[in-house]
Every structure is written in structure tokens, then in C-alpha cells.
């Protein structure tokens, strides 16, 4: 298991937010790429947590922008939002 510094965790999160591929993030923080990718696939690791914090923050911002565009009448945004809503149906028990 990798022991990351606070600075490395923050860098992973920032780079994941900027959609940098995991292998390049590993190189940037000076980690072995194979170990980094293995930890990224392992639930509960610092690497996975830091990476997905950044990734999810980017995803949330993108979807907020999509929702705003759809509400403002953008037909392509509305169509994309409908796809997201349909994909979420599988997680909603009351539907």
C-alpha cells in the first residue's frame, strides 16, 4: 500500500479534476505507475479516494453546467440531461 503525503493527495485530486490520465498522474507525483494503477482500482486506498474526489468534482461541475443549459432551453443539453435521468432510474427504488 502506498503512503502518500498530503501534497501528493492534493496533487492527485487536482490532476484528476483536470482529467489527466492516471498513469501521467503517477509519473507527476513520482509513484510507480503499476502500483498507482493497482491502488486506483482498490477500494479504500488513498490513491482511489484522492483521484475520485477530483474526478467527481469535475463531473458535478459539468453536470451543473449541463442542467443550467437545459433549463435555459438548450435542446442538446435537454437531450443529454434526459439520458442522465434515464440512467439514474436503475438506482431509484420508488420508480
PDB file of N, CA and C in Angstrom:
ATOM      1  N   UNK A   1       0.847  -1.186   0.000  1.00  0.00           N
ATOM      2  CA  UNK A   1       0.000   0.000   0.000  1.00  0.00           C
ATOM      3  C   UNK A   1       0.888   1.244   0.000  1.00  0.00           C
ATOM      4  N   UNK A   2       0.554   2.196  -0.832  1.00  0.00           N
ATOM      5  CA  UNK A   2       1.341   3.421  -0.937  1.00  0.00           C
ATOM      6  C   UNK A   2       1.025   4.343   0.230  1.00  0.00           C
ATOM      7  N   UNK A   3       2.064   4.990   0.732  1.00  0.00           N
ATOM      8  CA  UNK A   3       1.884   6.020   1.752  1.00  0.00           C
ATOM      9  C   UNK A   3       2.103   7.364   1.082  1.00  0.00           C
ATOM     10  N   UNK A   4       1.040   8.107   0.919  1.00  0.00           N
ATOM     11  CA  UNK A   4       1.108   9.390   0.228  1.00  0.00           C
ATOM     12  C   UNK A   4       1.233  10.528   1.221  1.00  0.00           C
ATOM     13  N   UNK A   5       1.933  11.572   0.797  1.00  0.00           N
ATOM     14  CA  UNK A   5       1.962  12.794   1.589  1.00  0.00           C
ATOM     15  C   UNK A   5       0.684  13.582   1.295  1.00  0.00           C
ATOM     16  N   UNK A   6       0.395  14.545   2.138  1.00  0.00           N
ATOM     17  CA  UNK A   6      -0.764  15.408   1.905  1.00  0.00           C
ATOM     18  C   UNK A   6      -0.618  16.114   0.558  1.00  0.00           C
ATOM     19  N   UNK A   7       0.600  16.532   0.245  1.00  0.00           N
ATOM     20  CA  UNK A   7       0.858  17.219  -1.025  1.00  0.00           C
ATOM     21  C   UNK A   7       0.558  16.297  -2.214  1.00  0.00           C
ATOM     22  N   UNK A   8       0.946  15.034  -2.121  1.00  0.00           N
ATOM     23  CA  UNK A   8       0.667  14.084  -3.200  1.00  0.00           C
ATOM     24  C   UNK A   8      -0.834  13.844  -3.350  1.00  0.00           C
ATOM     25  N   UNK A   9      -1.542  13.700  -2.236  1.00  0.00           N
ATOM     26  CA  UNK A   9      -3.002  13.503  -2.308  1.00  0.00           C
ATOM     27  C   UNK A   9      -3.668  14.699  -2.980  1.00  0.00           C
ATOM     28  N   UNK A  10      -3.246  15.893  -2.600  1.00  0.00           N
ATOM     29  CA  UNK A  10      -3.819  17.104  -3.200  1.00  0.00           C
ATOM     30  C   UNK A  10      -3.503  17.177  -4.691  1.00  0.00           C
ATOM     31  N   UNK A  11      -2.288  16.789  -5.068  1.00  0.00           N
ATOM     32  CA  UNK A  11      -1.894  16.827  -6.477  1.00  0.00           C
ATOM     33  C   UNK A  11      -2.700  15.815  -7.289  1.00  0.00           C
ATOM     34  N   UNK A  12      -2.912  14.628  -6.734  1.00  0.00           N
ATOM     35  CA  UNK A  12      -3.734  13.623  -7.420  1.00  0.00           C
ATOM     36  C   UNK A  12      -5.129  14.181  -7.658  1.00  0.00           C
ATOM     37  N   UNK A  13      -5.717  14.787  -6.622  1.00  0.00           N
ATOM     38  CA  UNK A  13      -7.070  15.339  -6.745  1.00  0.00           C
ATOM     39  C   UNK A  13      -7.124  16.445  -7.796  1.00  0.00           C
ATOM     40  N   UNK A  14      -6.150  17.350  -7.772  1.00  0.00           N
ATOM     41  CA  UNK A  14      -6.124  18.452  -8.743  1.00  0.00           C
ATOM     42  C   UNK A  14      -5.985  17.940 -10.173  1.00  0.00           C
ATOM     43  N   UNK A  15      -5.105  16.970 -10.360  1.00  0.00           N
ATOM     44  CA  UNK A  15      -4.872  16.464 -11.714  1.00  0.00           C
ATOM     45  C   UNK A  15      -6.059  15.639 -12.211  1.00  0.00           C
ATOM     46  N   UNK A  16      -6.689  14.877 -11.332  1.00  0.00           N
ATOM     47  CA  UNK A  16      -7.885  14.125 -11.723  1.00  0.00           C
ATOM     48  C   UNK A  16      -8.995  15.097 -12.119  1.00  0.00           C
ATOM     49  N   UNK A  17      -9.109  16.207 -11.395  1.00  0.00           N
ATOM     50  CA  UNK A  17     -10.088  17.245 -11.727  1.00  0.00           C
ATOM     51  C   UNK A  17      -9.841  17.774 -13.142  1.00  0.00           C
ATOM     52  N   UNK A  18      -8.574  17.860 -13.508  1.00  0.00           N
ATOM     53  CA  UNK A  18      -8.203  18.376 -14.835  1.00  0.00           C
ATOM     54  C   UNK A  18      -8.185  17.277 -15.903  1.00  0.00           C
ATOM     55  N   UNK A  19      -8.690  16.087 -15.541  1.00  0.00           N
ATOM     56  CA  UNK A  19      -8.848  14.957 -16.457  1.00  0.00           C
ATOM     57  C   UNK A  19      -7.526  14.414 -16.996  1.00  0.00           C
ATOM     58  N   UNK A  20      -6.476  14.502 -16.185  1.00  0.00           N
ATOM     59  CA  UNK A  20      -5.180  13.933 -16.545  1.00  0.00           C
ATOM     60  C   UNK A  20      -5.259  12.415 -16.351  1.00  0.00           C
ATOM     61  N   UNK A  21      -4.782  11.618 -17.304  1.00  0.00           N
ATOM     62  CA  UNK A  21      -4.831  10.158 -17.163  1.00  0.00           C
ATOM     63  C   UNK A  21      -4.040   9.675 -15.936  1.00  0.00           C
ATOM     64  N   UNK A  22      -4.521   8.628 -15.278  1.00  0.00           N
ATOM     65  CA  UNK A  22      -3.876   8.136 -14.057  1.00  0.00           C
ATOM     66  C   UNK A  22      -2.385   7.831 -14.198  1.00  0.00           C
ATOM     67  N   UNK A  23      -1.972   7.251 -15.320  1.00  0.00           N
ATOM     68  CA  UNK A  23      -0.551   6.948 -15.497  1.00  0.00           C
ATOM     69  C   UNK A  23       0.317   8.191 -15.455  1.00  0.00           C
ATOM     70  N   UNK A  24      -0.166   9.274 -16.033  1.00  0.00           N
ATOM     71  CA  UNK A  24       0.583  10.535 -16.012  1.00  0.00           C
ATOM     72  C   UNK A  24       0.576  11.162 -14.626  1.00  0.00           C
ATOM     73  N   UNK A  25      -0.504  10.970 -13.886  1.00  0.00           N
ATOM     74  CA  UNK A  25      -0.545  11.460 -12.505  1.00  0.00           C
ATOM     75  C   UNK A  25       0.528  10.743 -11.690  1.00  0.00           C
ATOM     76  N   UNK A  26       0.638   9.427 -11.871  1.00  0.00           N
ATOM     77  CA  UNK A  26       1.653   8.648 -11.154  1.00  0.00           C
ATOM     78  C   UNK A  26       3.048   9.187 -11.444  1.00  0.00           C
ATOM     79  N   UNK A  27       3.333   9.433 -12.715  1.00  0.00           N
ATOM     80  CA  UNK A  27       4.641   9.970 -13.091  1.00  0.00           C
ATOM     81  C   UNK A  27       4.866  11.316 -12.424  1.00  0.00           C
ATOM     82  N   UNK A  28       3.862  12.163 -12.434  1.00  0.00           N
ATOM     83  CA  UNK A  28       3.986  13.507 -11.872  1.00  0.00           C
ATOM     84  C   UNK A  28       4.290  13.495 -10.379  1.00  0.00           C
ATOM     85  N   UNK A  29       3.700  12.568  -9.641  1.00  0.00           N
ATOM     86  CA  UNK A  29       3.935  12.546  -8.187  1.00  0.00           C
ATOM     87  C   UNK A  29       5.106  11.641  -7.805  1.00  0.00           C
ATOM     88  N   UNK A  30       5.756  11.040  -8.806  1.00  0.00           N
ATOM     89  CA  UNK A  30       6.921  10.206  -8.540  1.00  0.00           C
ATOM     90  C   UNK A  30       6.586   8.821  -8.024  1.00  0.00           C
ATOM     91  N   UNK A  31       5.425   8.306  -8.402  1.00  0.00           N
ATOM     92  CA  UNK A  31       4.996   6.978  -7.953  1.00  0.00           C
ATOM     93  C   UNK A  31       5.180   5.963  -9.078  1.00  0.00           C
ATOM     94  N   UNK A  32       5.344   4.715  -8.711  1.00  0.00           N
ATOM     95  CA  UNK A  32       5.393   3.638  -9.686  1.00  0.00           C
ATOM     96  C   UNK A  32       4.019   3.531 -10.353  1.00  0.00           C
ATOM     97  N   UNK A  33       4.002   3.548 -11.681  1.00  0.00           N
ATOM     98  CA  UNK A  33       2.726   3.544 -12.404  1.00  0.00           C
ATOM     99  C   UNK A  33       1.900   2.298 -12.129  1.00  0.00           C
ATOM    100  N   UNK A  34       2.540   1.149 -12.092  1.00  0.00           N
ATOM    101  CA  UNK A  34       1.820  -0.105 -11.854  1.00  0.00           C
ATOM    102  C   UNK A  34       1.178  -0.112 -10.471  1.00  0.00           C
ATOM    103  N   UNK A  35       1.943   0.305  -9.463  1.00  0.00           N
ATOM    104  CA  UNK A  35       1.407   0.359  -8.095  1.00  0.00           C
ATOM    105  C   UNK A  35       0.264   1.370  -7.997  1.00  0.00           C
ATOM    106  N   UNK A  36       0.462   2.518  -8.635  1.00  0.00           N
ATOM    107  CA  UNK A  36      -0.557   3.570  -8.601  1.00  0.00           C
ATOM    108  C   UNK A  36      -1.863   3.069  -9.209  1.00  0.00           C
ATOM    109  N   UNK A  37      -1.773   2.437 -10.379  1.00  0.00           N
ATOM    110  CA  UNK A  37      -2.979   1.946 -11.053  1.00  0.00           C
ATOM    111  C   UNK A  37      -3.647   0.829 -10.257  1.00  0.00           C
ATOM    112  N   UNK A  38      -2.854  -0.015  -9.618  1.00  0.00           N
ATOM    113  CA  UNK A  38      -3.427  -1.080  -8.784  1.00  0.00           C
ATOM    114  C   UNK A  38      -4.185  -0.480  -7.605  1.00  0.00           C
ATOM    115  N   UNK A  39      -3.618   0.556  -7.004  1.00  0.00           N
ATOM    116  CA  UNK A  39      -4.295   1.192  -5.868  1.00  0.00           C
ATOM    117  C   UNK A  39      -5.520   1.977  -6.313  1.00  0.00           C
ATOM    118  N   UNK A  40      -5.472   2.522  -7.511  1.00  0.00           N
ATOM    119  CA  UNK A  40      -6.634   3.236  -8.039  1.00  0.00           C
ATOM    120  C   UNK A  40      -7.822   2.287  -8.180  1.00  0.00           C
ATOM    121  N   UNK A  41      -7.549   1.024  -8.468  1.00  0.00           N
ATOM    122  CA  UNK A  41      -8.609   0.021  -8.625  1.00  0.00           C
ATOM    123  C   UNK A  41      -9.017  -0.633  -7.305  1.00  0.00           C
ATOM    124  N   UNK A  42      -8.348  -0.269  -6.200  1.00  0.00           N
ATOM    125  CA  UNK A  42      -8.610  -0.908  -4.910  1.00  0.00           C
ATOM    126  C   UNK A  42      -9.428   0.021  -4.013  1.00  0.00           C
ATOM    127  N   UNK A  43     -10.664  -0.364  -3.690  1.00  0.00           N
ATOM    128  CA  UNK A  43     -11.489   0.470  -2.806  1.00  0.00           C
ATOM    129  C   UNK A  43     -10.804   0.726  -1.463  1.00  0.00           C
ATOM    130  N   UNK A  44     -10.951   1.971  -0.989  1.00  0.00           N
ATOM    131  CA  UNK A  44     -10.443   2.341   0.325  1.00  0.00           C
ATOM    132  C   UNK A  44      -9.023   2.864   0.354  1.00  0.00           C
ATOM    133  N   UNK A  45      -8.326   2.877  -0.783  1.00  0.00           N
ATOM    134  CA  UNK A  45      -6.950   3.376  -0.785  1.00  0.00           C
ATOM    135  C   UNK A  45      -6.929   4.894  -0.905  1.00  0.00           C
ATOM    136  N   UNK A  46      -5.821   5.481  -0.439  1.00  0.00           N
ATOM    137  CA  UNK A  46      -5.664   6.936  -0.539  1.00  0.00           C
ATOM    138  C   UNK A  46      -5.672   7.389  -1.998  1.00  0.00           C
ATOM    139  N   UNK A  47      -5.026   6.607  -2.856  1.00  0.00           N
ATOM    140  CA  UNK A  47      -4.964   6.954  -4.283  1.00  0.00           C
ATOM    141  C   UNK A  47      -6.371   7.030  -4.862  1.00  0.00           C
ATOM    142  N   UNK A  48      -7.160   6.005  -4.617  1.00  0.00           N
ATOM    143  CA  UNK A  48      -8.528   5.959  -5.157  1.00  0.00           C
ATOM    144  C   UNK A  48      -9.369   7.115  -4.624  1.00  0.00           C
ATOM    145  N   UNK A  49      -9.287   7.354  -3.326  1.00  0.00           N
ATOM    146  CA  UNK A  49     -10.071   8.428  -2.712  1.00  0.00           C
ATOM    147  C   UNK A  49      -9.697   9.784  -3.294  1.00  0.00           C
ATOM    148  N   UNK A  50      -8.401  10.071  -3.378  1.00  0.00           N
ATOM    149  CA  UNK A  50      -7.954  11.363  -3.904  1.00  0.00           C
ATOM    150  C   UNK A  50      -8.342  11.522  -5.372  1.00  0.00           C
ATOM    151  N   UNK A  51      -8.138  10.466  -6.154  1.00  0.00           N
ATOM    152  CA  UNK A  51      -8.455  10.534  -7.578  1.00  0.00           C
ATOM    153  C   UNK A  51      -9.942  10.804  -7.790  1.00  0.00           C
ATOM    154  N   UNK A  52     -10.783  10.044  -7.107  1.00  0.00           N
ATOM    155  CA  UNK A  52     -12.221  10.190  -7.339  1.00  0.00           C
ATOM    156  C   UNK A  52     -12.790  11.468  -6.739  1.00  0.00           C
ATOM    157  N   UNK A  53     -12.142  12.045  -5.749  1.00  0.00           N
ATOM    158  CA  UNK A  53     -12.575  13.369  -5.278  1.00  0.00           C
ATOM    159  C   UNK A  53     -12.453  14.382  -6.409  1.00  0.00           C
ATOM    160  N   UNK A  54     -11.313  14.380  -7.070  1.00  0.00           N
ATOM    161  CA  UNK A  54     -11.110  15.303  -8.185  1.00  0.00           C
ATOM    162  C   UNK A  54     -12.012  14.996  -9.358  1.00  0.00           C
ATOM    163  N   UNK A  55     -12.107  13.732  -9.698  1.00  0.00           N
ATOM    164  CA  UNK A  55     -12.944  13.305 -10.823  1.00  0.00           C
ATOM    165  C   UNK A  55     -14.411  13.667 -10.583  1.00  0.00           C
ATOM    166  N   UNK A  56     -14.897  13.396  -9.387  1.00  0.00           N
ATOM    167  CA  UNK A  56     -16.306  13.683  -9.082  1.00  0.00           C
ATOM    168  C   UNK A  56     -16.592  15.178  -9.031  1.00  0.00           C
ATOM    169  N   UNK A  57     -15.626  15.957  -8.537  1.00  0.00           N
ATOM    170  CA  UNK A  57     -15.819  17.414  -8.514  1.00  0.00           C
ATOM    171  C   UNK A  57     -15.978  17.930  -9.946  1.00  0.00           C
ATOM    172  N   UNK A  58     -15.158  17.419 -10.865  1.00  0.00           N
ATOM    173  CA  UNK A  58     -15.266  17.814 -12.269  1.00  0.00           C
ATOM    174  C   UNK A  58     -16.609  17.374 -12.848  1.00  0.00           C
ATOM    175  N   UNK A  59     -17.022  16.163 -12.542  1.00  0.00           N
ATOM    176  CA  UNK A  59     -18.292  15.637 -13.041  1.00  0.00           C
ATOM    177  C   UNK A  59     -19.463  16.472 -12.539  1.00  0.00           C
ATOM    178  N   UNK A  60     -19.445  16.829 -11.263  1.00  0.00           N
ATOM    179  CA  UNK A  60     -20.521  17.642 -10.682  1.00  0.00           C
ATOM    180  C   UNK A  60     -20.590  19.002 -11.369  1.00  0.00           C
ATOM    181  N   UNK A  61     -19.445  19.644 -11.559  1.00  0.00           N
ATOM    182  CA  UNK A  61     -19.442  20.956 -12.216  1.00  0.00           C
ATOM    183  C   UNK A  61     -19.966  20.863 -13.648  1.00  0.00           C
ATOM    184  N   UNK A  62     -19.567  19.832 -14.352  1.00  0.00           N
ATOM    185  CA  UNK A  62     -20.034  19.644 -15.724  1.00  0.00           C
ATOM    186  C   UNK A  62     -21.543  19.435 -15.768  1.00  0.00           C
ATOM    187  N   UNK A  63     -22.044  18.616 -14.872  1.00  0.00           N
ATOM    188  CA  UNK A  63     -23.489  18.351 -14.863  1.00  0.00           C
ATOM    189  C   UNK A  63     -24.282  19.573 -14.419  1.00  0.00           C
ATOM    190  N   UNK A  64     -23.739  20.348 -13.486  1.00  0.00           N
ATOM    191  CA  UNK A  64     -24.422  21.589 -13.100  1.00  0.00           C
ATOM    192  C   UNK A  64     -24.539  22.516 -14.307  1.00  0.00           C
ATOM    193  N   UNK A  65     -23.480  22.607 -15.086  1.00  0.00           N
ATOM    194  CA  UNK A  65     -23.495  23.439 -16.289  1.00  0.00           C
ATOM    195  C   UNK A  65     -24.502  22.904 -17.306  1.00  0.00           C
ATOM    196  N   UNK A  66     -24.544  21.590 -17.445  1.00  0.00           N
ATOM    197  CA  UNK A  66     -25.499  20.958 -18.354  1.00  0.00           C
ATOM    198  C   UNK A  66     -26.935  21.248 -17.927  1.00  0.00           C
ATOM    199  N   UNK A  67     -27.204  21.141 -16.640  1.00  0.00           N
ATOM    200  CA  UNK A  67     -28.552  21.415 -16.119  1.00  0.00           C
ATOM    201  C   UNK A  67     -28.938  22.867 -16.383  1.00  0.00           C
ATOM    202  N   UNK A  68     -28.013  23.796 -16.136  1.00  0.00           N
ATOM    203  CA  UNK A  68     -28.299  25.213 -16.386  1.00  0.00           C
ATOM    204  C   UNK A  68     -28.618  25.449 -17.858  1.00  0.00           C
ATOM    205  N   UNK A  69     -27.831  24.832 -18.735  1.00  0.00           N
ATOM    206  CA  UNK A  69     -28.075  24.990 -20.173  1.00  0.00           C
ATOM    207  C   UNK A  69     -29.429  24.412 -20.567  1.00  0.00           C
ATOM    208  N   UNK A  70     -29.769  23.256 -20.002  1.00  0.00           N
ATOM    209  CA  UNK A  70     -31.059  22.627 -20.312  1.00  0.00           C
ATOM    210  C   UNK A  70     -32.213  23.495 -19.832  1.00  0.00           C
ATOM    211  N   UNK A  71     -32.095  24.040 -18.636  1.00  0.00           N
ATOM    212  CA  UNK A  71     -33.145  24.905 -18.080  1.00  0.00           C
ATOM    213  C   UNK A  71     -33.300  26.164 -18.931  1.00  0.00           C
ATOM    214  N   UNK A  72     -32.191  26.630 -19.500  1.00  0.00           N
ATOM    215  CA  UNK A  72     -32.230  27.826 -20.342  1.00  0.00           C
ATOM    216  C   UNK A  72     -32.673  27.531 -21.772  1.00  0.00           C
ATOM    217  N   UNK A  73     -33.067  26.283 -22.050  1.00  0.00           N
ATOM    218  CA  UNK A  73     -33.669  25.972 -23.337  1.00  0.00           C
ATOM    219  C   UNK A  73     -32.780  25.301 -24.367  1.00  0.00           C
ATOM    220  N   UNK A  74     -31.567  24.928 -24.004  1.00  0.00           N
ATOM    221  CA  UNK A  74     -30.687  24.262 -24.967  1.00  0.00           C
ATOM    222  C   UNK A  74     -31.199  22.851 -25.243  1.00  0.00           C
ATOM    223  N   UNK A  75     -31.634  22.631 -26.490  1.00  0.00           N
ATOM    224  CA  UNK A  75     -32.160  21.322 -26.860  1.00  0.00           C
ATOM    225  C   UNK A  75     -31.118  20.212 -26.705  1.00  0.00           C
ATOM    226  N   UNK A  76     -29.869  20.389 -27.179  1.00  0.00           N
ATOM    227  CA  UNK A  76     -28.869  19.331 -26.970  1.00  0.00           C
ATOM    228  C   UNK A  76     -28.633  19.034 -25.481  1.00  0.00           C
ATOM    229  N   UNK A  77     -28.615  20.076 -24.662  1.00  0.00           N
ATOM    230  CA  UNK A  77     -28.429  19.880 -23.222  1.00  0.00           C
ATOM    231  C   UNK A  77     -29.619  19.145 -22.621  1.00  0.00           C
ATOM    232  N   UNK A  78     -30.819  19.476 -23.089  1.00  0.00           N
ATOM    233  CA  UNK A  78     -32.012  18.784 -22.592  1.00  0.00           C
ATOM    234  C   UNK A  78     -31.967  17.301 -22.948  1.00  0.00           C
ATOM    235  N   UNK A  79     -31.553  16.982 -24.168  1.00  0.00           N
ATOM    236  CA  UNK A  79     -31.458  15.582 -24.588  1.00  0.00           C
ATOM    237  C   UNK A  79     -30.428  14.825 -23.747  1.00  0.00           C
ATOM    238  N   UNK A  80     -29.302  15.460 -23.497  1.00  0.00           N
ATOM    239  CA  UNK A  80     -28.258  14.834 -22.680  1.00  0.00           C
ATOM    240  C   UNK A  80     -28.739  14.631 -21.246  1.00  0.00           C
ATOM    241  N   UNK A  81     -29.454  15.604 -20.729  1.00  0.00           N
ATOM    242  CA  UNK A  81     -29.988  15.502 -19.369  1.00  0.00           C
ATOM    243  C   UNK A  81     -31.008  14.370 -19.266  1.00  0.00           C
ATOM    244  N   UNK A  82     -31.809  14.198 -20.285  1.00  0.00           N
ATOM    245  CA  UNK A  82     -32.773  13.085 -20.302  1.00  0.00           C
ATOM    246  C   UNK A  82     -32.030  11.751 -20.229  1.00  0.00           C
ATOM    247  N   UNK A  83     -30.905  11.634 -20.938  1.00  0.00           N
ATOM    248  CA  UNK A  83     -30.103  10.405 -20.876  1.00  0.00           C
ATOM    249  C   UNK A  83     -29.601  10.154 -19.454  1.00  0.00           C
ATOM    250  N   UNK A  84     -29.125  11.208 -18.788  1.00  0.00           N
ATOM    251  CA  UNK A  84     -28.642  11.056 -17.413  1.00  0.00           C
ATOM    252  C   UNK A  84     -29.773  10.634 -16.482  1.00  0.00           C
ATOM    253  N   UNK A  85     -30.926  11.249 -16.660  1.00  0.00           N
ATOM    254  CA  UNK A  85     -32.079  10.914 -15.811  1.00  0.00           C
ATOM    255  C   UNK A  85     -32.462   9.454 -16.003  1.00  0.00           C
ATOM    256  N   UNK A  86     -32.504   9.005 -17.243  1.00  0.00           N
ATOM    257  CA  UNK A  86     -32.847   7.603 -17.511  1.00  0.00           C
ATOM    258  C   UNK A  86     -31.806   6.653 -16.919  1.00  0.00           C
ATOM    259  N   UNK A  87     -30.547   7.031 -16.989  1.00  0.00           N
ATOM    260  CA  UNK A  87     -29.506   6.157 -16.434  1.00  0.00           C
ATOM    261  C   UNK A  87     -29.586   6.080 -14.911  1.00  0.00           C
ATOM    262  N   UNK A  88     -30.143   7.110 -14.277  1.00  0.00           N
ATOM    263  CA  UNK A  88     -30.284   7.113 -12.821  1.00  0.00           C
ATOM    264  C   UNK A  88     -31.475   6.290 -12.343  1.00  0.00           C
ATOM    265  N   UNK A  89     -32.401   5.998 -13.231  1.00  0.00           N
ATOM    266  CA  UNK A  89     -33.611   5.266 -12.848  1.00  0.00           C
ATOM    267  C   UNK A  89     -33.295   3.930 -12.187  1.00  0.00           C
ATOM    268  N   UNK A  90     -32.228   3.281 -12.605  1.00  0.00           N
ATOM    269  CA  UNK A  90     -31.886   1.975 -12.049  1.00  0.00           C
ATOM    270  C   UNK A  90     -31.544   2.046 -10.565  1.00  0.00           C
ATOM    271  N   UNK A  91     -31.187   3.225 -10.068  1.00  0.00           N
ATOM    272  CA  UNK A  91     -30.821   3.380  -8.663  1.00  0.00           C
ATOM    273  C   UNK A  91     -31.987   3.830  -7.792  1.00  0.00           C
ATOM    274  N   UNK A  92     -33.101   4.156  -8.408  1.00  0.00           N
ATOM    275  CA  UNK A  92     -34.248   4.680  -7.676  1.00  0.00           C
ATOM    276  C   UNK A  92     -35.262   3.572  -7.441  1.00  0.00           C
ATOM    277  N   UNK A  93     -35.409   3.168  -6.210  1.00  0.00           N
ATOM    278  CA  UNK A  93     -36.287   2.050  -5.869  1.00  0.00           C
ATOM    279  C   UNK A  93     -37.763   2.390  -6.002  1.00  0.00           C
ATOM    280  N   UNK A  94     -38.117   3.650  -5.836  1.00  0.00           N
ATOM    281  CA  UNK A  94     -39.528   4.027  -5.821  1.00  0.00           C
ATOM    282  C   UNK A  94     -40.114   4.205  -7.211  1.00  0.00           C
ATOM    283  N   UNK A  95     -39.322   4.084  -8.221  1.00  0.00           N
ATOM    284  CA  UNK A  95     -39.819   4.267  -9.594  1.00  0.00           C
ATOM    285  C   UNK A  95     -40.360   2.978 -10.156  1.00  0.00           C
TER     286      UNK A  95
END
